[in-house]
Amino acid sequence: MSSKQASLVDFGPDLSVLTEAEHEAYVTCRENGVGVREYARRTDRRPGTVGNLLRRAENKLEEGSA
């Protein structure tokens, strides 16, 4: 009987390093496929602000995986 044990990598990046705003933007836009402009309208933010949140989130996640 062979069973493979799952590792944390199998479940995706550790989002706990993100602020609440970065987390919401990352999950909504990157994991759920909502566009930046649409998310900006939903949250009453400017698209540039959402872009900055996503960039910071992605930078933090890259640092955590290195």
Foldseek 3Di string as FASTA:
>chain_A
DDDDDDDPVVVPFDQPVADPLLSVLCCVCVVVPDDLCVVCVVVVHDSVVSVVSPVVSVVVRVVVVD
